[in-house]
Amino acid sequence: MTSPAPSRQDQRALQRARRALRCLPFRLAFYRELEGTALSSTQLAARNDWPQLSRQRLQPSRTEDDLIWLIHLGVLRREVDGQGLTERVRLTPLGRQVVEAWSRDIPPARALSRLRHWLQRHWPRL
């Protein structure tokens, strides 16, 4: 049995997610870790191995903003425990699909792609 072809909307979501991953500071190791472990922005910012996870030093508030954006795109989701949503995040099936495209580190985006990403993130109605 074959799976149905992805819809146009699914393809656009994948494109948007790929662009975001290339524009954000996180490395492939960050997403690979989130496949098995849930982490919070505070935990990430406190880690000493940040150069393996990000191209720049992680600050809790900036990291939280980036995580919220990835949740908005469907790449990450909040972890749930017995009391409801937590501050920790995990990779979604869409996130796994996007990450599997890269075997090495995620290549950084070019300037035009970064501009488009910034516009979509800060002015989504354009």
C-alpha atoms as a PDB file:
ATOM      1  CA  MET A   1       0.000   0.000   0.000  1.00  0.00           C
ATOM      2  CA  THR A   2       1.372   3.426  -0.910  1.00  0.00           C
ATOM      3  CA  SER A   3       0.874   6.555   1.089  1.00  0.00           C
ATOM      4  CA  PRO A   4      -1.044   9.404  -0.517  1.00  0.00           C
ATOM      5  CA  ALA A   5       0.907  12.241  -2.082  1.00  0.00           C
ATOM      6  CA  PRO A   6       1.391  15.186   0.293  1.00  0.00           C
ATOM      7  CA  SER A   7      -1.100  17.974  -0.244  1.00  0.00           C
ATOM      8  CA  ARG A   8      -0.049  21.423  -1.352  1.00  0.00           C
ATOM      9  CA  GLN A   9      -0.674  22.681   2.184  1.00  0.00           C
ATOM     10  CA  ASP A  10       1.562  19.916   3.611  1.00  0.00           C
ATOM     11  CA  GLN A  11       4.308  20.817   1.151  1.00  0.00           C
ATOM     12  CA  ARG A  12       4.114  24.489   2.129  1.00  0.00           C
ATOM     13  CA  ALA A  13       4.287  23.567   5.824  1.00  0.00           C
ATOM     14  CA  LEU A  14       7.396  21.466   5.120  1.00  0.00           C
ATOM     15  CA  GLN A  15       9.000  24.311   3.157  1.00  0.00           C
ATOM     16  CA  ARG A  16       8.257  26.828   5.900  1.00  0.00           C
ATOM     17  CA  ALA A  17       9.649  24.472   8.556  1.00  0.00           C
ATOM     18  CA  ARG A  18      12.832  23.759   6.542  1.00  0.00           C
ATOM     19  CA  ARG A  19      13.411  27.478   6.039  1.00  0.00           C
ATOM     20  CA  ALA A  20      12.904  28.149   9.758  1.00  0.00           C
ATOM     21  CA  LEU A  21      15.381  25.446  10.782  1.00  0.00           C
ATOM     22  CA  ARG A  22      17.977  26.915   8.426  1.00  0.00           C
ATOM     23  CA  CYS A  23      17.393  30.448   9.773  1.00  0.00           C
ATOM     24  CA  LEU A  24      17.330  29.659  13.484  1.00  0.00           C
ATOM     25  CA  PRO A  25      20.563  29.138  15.443  1.00  0.00           C
ATOM     26  CA  PHE A  26      19.930  25.502  16.414  1.00  0.00           C
ATOM     27  CA  ARG A  27      22.128  22.725  15.043  1.00  0.00           C
ATOM     28  CA  LEU A  28      21.014  19.268  13.951  1.00  0.00           C
ATOM     29  CA  ALA A  29      22.211  17.810  17.294  1.00  0.00           C
ATOM     30  CA  PHE A  30      19.617  19.991  19.083  1.00  0.00           C
ATOM     31  CA  TYR A  31      16.733  18.473  17.093  1.00  0.00           C
ATOM     32  CA  ARG A  32      18.166  14.955  17.382  1.00  0.00           C
ATOM     33  CA  GLU A  33      18.252  15.361  21.157  1.00  0.00           C
ATOM     34  CA  LEU A  34      14.620  16.501  21.191  1.00  0.00           C
ATOM     35  CA  GLU A  35      13.624  13.295  19.439  1.00  0.00           C
ATOM     36  CA  GLY A  36      14.307  11.387  22.642  1.00  0.00           C
ATOM     37  CA  THR A  37      14.393  13.955  25.439  1.00  0.00           C
ATOM     38  CA  ALA A  38      12.153  16.876  26.331  1.00  0.00           C
ATOM     39  CA  LEU A  39      14.013  20.082  27.219  1.00  0.00           C
ATOM     40  CA  SER A  40      13.069  23.596  28.330  1.00  0.00           C
ATOM     41  CA  SER A  41      14.627  26.885  27.273  1.00  0.00           C
ATOM     42  CA  THR A  42      16.077  27.304  30.776  1.00  0.00           C
ATOM     43  CA  GLN A  43      17.687  23.854  30.646  1.00  0.00           C
ATOM     44  CA  LEU A  44      19.109  24.579  27.197  1.00  0.00           C
ATOM     45  CA  ALA A  45      20.570  27.941  28.199  1.00  0.00           C
ATOM     46  CA  ALA A  46      22.254  26.413  31.265  1.00  0.00           C
ATOM     47  CA  ARG A  47      24.087  23.716  29.307  1.00  0.00           C
ATOM     48  CA  ASN A  48      27.840  23.864  28.832  1.00  0.00           C
ATOM     49  CA  ASP A  49      27.722  21.989  25.517  1.00  0.00           C
ATOM     50  CA  TRP A  50      25.783  24.775  23.775  1.00  0.00           C
ATOM     51  CA  PRO A  51      28.233  24.966  20.809  1.00  0.00           C
ATOM     52  CA  GLN A  52      27.112  21.456  19.786  1.00  0.00           C
ATOM     53  CA  LEU A  53      23.464  22.518  19.949  1.00  0.00           C
ATOM     54  CA  SER A  54      23.512  26.074  18.598  1.00  0.00           C
ATOM     55  CA  ARG A  55      25.519  28.424  16.391  1.00  0.00           C
ATOM     56  CA  GLN A  56      25.262  31.106  19.092  1.00  0.00           C
ATOM     57  CA  ARG A  57      25.073  31.266  22.873  1.00  0.00           C
ATOM     58  CA  LEU A  58      21.608  30.373  24.107  1.00  0.00           C
ATOM     59  CA  GLN A  59      19.786  32.952  26.235  1.00  0.00           C
ATOM     60  CA  PRO A  60      16.617  31.716  28.007  1.00  0.00           C
ATOM     61  CA  SER A  61      14.219  34.399  26.708  1.00  0.00           C
ATOM     62  CA  ARG A  62      15.500  34.310  23.113  1.00  0.00           C
ATOM     63  CA  THR A  63      15.527  30.512  23.143  1.00  0.00           C
ATOM     64  CA  GLU A  64      11.951  30.463  24.443  1.00  0.00           C
ATOM     65  CA  ASP A  65      10.883  32.796  21.609  1.00  0.00           C
ATOM     66  CA  ASP A  66      12.498  30.460  19.069  1.00  0.00           C
ATOM     67  CA  LEU A  67      10.871  27.410  20.663  1.00  0.00           C
ATOM     68  CA  ILE A  68       7.454  29.107  20.557  1.00  0.00           C
ATOM     69  CA  TRP A  69       7.982  29.893  16.875  1.00  0.00           C
ATOM     70  CA  LEU A  70       8.871  26.234  16.191  1.00  0.00           C
ATOM     71  CA  ILE A  71       5.731  25.177  18.077  1.00  0.00           C
ATOM     72  CA  HIS A  72       3.710  27.587  15.935  1.00  0.00           C
ATOM     73  CA  LEU A  73       5.182  25.987  12.796  1.00  0.00           C
ATOM     74  CA  GLY A  74       4.433  22.481  14.073  1.00  0.00           C
ATOM     75  CA  VAL A  75       8.067  21.368  14.424  1.00  0.00           C
ATOM     76  CA  LEU A  76       7.940  21.147  18.230  1.00  0.00           C
ATOM     77  CA  ARG A  77       5.220  20.522  20.805  1.00  0.00           C
ATOM     78  CA  ARG A  78       4.971  21.088  24.543  1.00  0.00           C
ATOM     79  CA  GLU A  79       5.345  17.992  26.662  1.00  0.00           C
ATOM     80  CA  VAL A  80       2.372  17.011  28.780  1.00  0.00           C
ATOM     81  CA  ASP A  81       2.553  15.520  32.253  1.00  0.00           C
ATOM     82  CA  GLY A  82      -0.122  14.609  34.799  1.00  0.00           C
ATOM     83  CA  GLN A  83      -0.783  18.273  35.567  1.00  0.00           C
ATOM     84  CA  GLY A  84      -0.986  19.575  31.999  1.00  0.00           C
ATOM     85  CA  LEU A  85       1.464  21.268  29.643  1.00  0.00           C
ATOM     86  CA  THR A  86       5.037  21.738  30.796  1.00  0.00           C
ATOM     87  CA  GLU A  87       7.730  24.185  29.686  1.00  0.00           C
ATOM     88  CA  ARG A  88       9.639  21.335  28.015  1.00  0.00           C
ATOM     89  CA  VAL A  89       9.367  20.661  24.276  1.00  0.00           C
ATOM     90  CA  ARG A  90       9.729  17.620  22.012  1.00  0.00           C
ATOM     91  CA  LEU A  91       9.994  17.075  18.279  1.00  0.00           C
ATOM     92  CA  THR A  92       6.735  16.413  16.384  1.00  0.00           C
ATOM     93  CA  PRO A  93       6.285  14.016  13.452  1.00  0.00           C
ATOM     94  CA  LEU A  94       6.587  17.039  11.118  1.00  0.00           C
ATOM     95  CA  GLY A  95       9.794  17.999  12.903  1.00  0.00           C
ATOM     96  CA  ARG A  96      11.175  14.480  12.424  1.00  0.00           C
ATOM     97  CA  GLN A  97      10.283  14.609   8.745  1.00  0.00           C
ATOM     98  CA  VAL A  98      12.087  17.932   8.303  1.00  0.00           C
ATOM     99  CA  VAL A  99      15.169  16.864  10.286  1.00  0.00           C
ATOM    100  CA  GLU A 100      15.604  13.577   8.423  1.00  0.00           C
ATOM    101  CA  ALA A 101      16.475  15.547   5.267  1.00  0.00           C
ATOM    102  CA  TRP A 102      19.881  16.407   6.761  1.00  0.00           C
ATOM    103  CA  SER A 103      22.561  13.859   7.617  1.00  0.00           C
ATOM    104  CA  ARG A 104      25.114  16.462   8.652  1.00  0.00           C
ATOM    105  CA  ASP A 105      24.544  19.831  10.266  1.00  0.00           C
ATOM    106  CA  ILE A 106      21.747  22.068   9.010  1.00  0.00           C
ATOM    107  CA  PRO A 107      23.132  24.478   6.412  1.00  0.00           C
ATOM    108  CA  PRO A 108      22.573  28.161   7.244  1.00  0.00           C
ATOM    109  CA  ALA A 109      20.104  30.037   5.059  1.00  0.00           C
ATOM    110  CA  ARG A 110      21.075  32.690   2.542  1.00  0.00           C
ATOM    111  CA  ALA A 111      20.217  36.346   3.075  1.00  0.00           C
ATOM    112  CA  LEU A 112      17.027  36.359   0.966  1.00  0.00           C
ATOM    113  CA  SER A 113      15.701  33.281   2.727  1.00  0.00           C
ATOM    114  CA  ARG A 114      16.487  34.857   6.118  1.00  0.00           C
ATOM    115  CA  LEU A 115      14.586  37.991   5.125  1.00  0.00           C
ATOM    116  CA  ARG A 116      11.579  35.970   3.997  1.00  0.00           C
ATOM    117  CA  HIS A 117      11.654  33.964   7.229  1.00  0.00           C
ATOM    118  CA  TRP A 118      11.879  37.140   9.321  1.00  0.00           C
ATOM    119  CA  LEU A 119       8.923  38.676   7.484  1.00  0.00           C
ATOM    120  CA  GLN A 120       6.796  35.561   7.907  1.00  0.00           C
ATOM    121  CA  ARG A 121       7.670  35.358  11.579  1.00  0.00           C
ATOM    122  CA  HIS A 122       7.102  38.996  12.477  1.00  0.00           C
ATOM    123  CA  TRP A 123       4.450  39.969   9.945  1.00  0.00           C
ATOM    124  CA  PRO A 124       2.619  36.713   9.203  1.00  0.00           C
ATOM    125  CA  ARG A 125      -0.248  38.409   7.389  1.00  0.00           C
ATOM    126  CA  LEU A 126       1.967  39.691   4.550  1.00  0.00           C
END
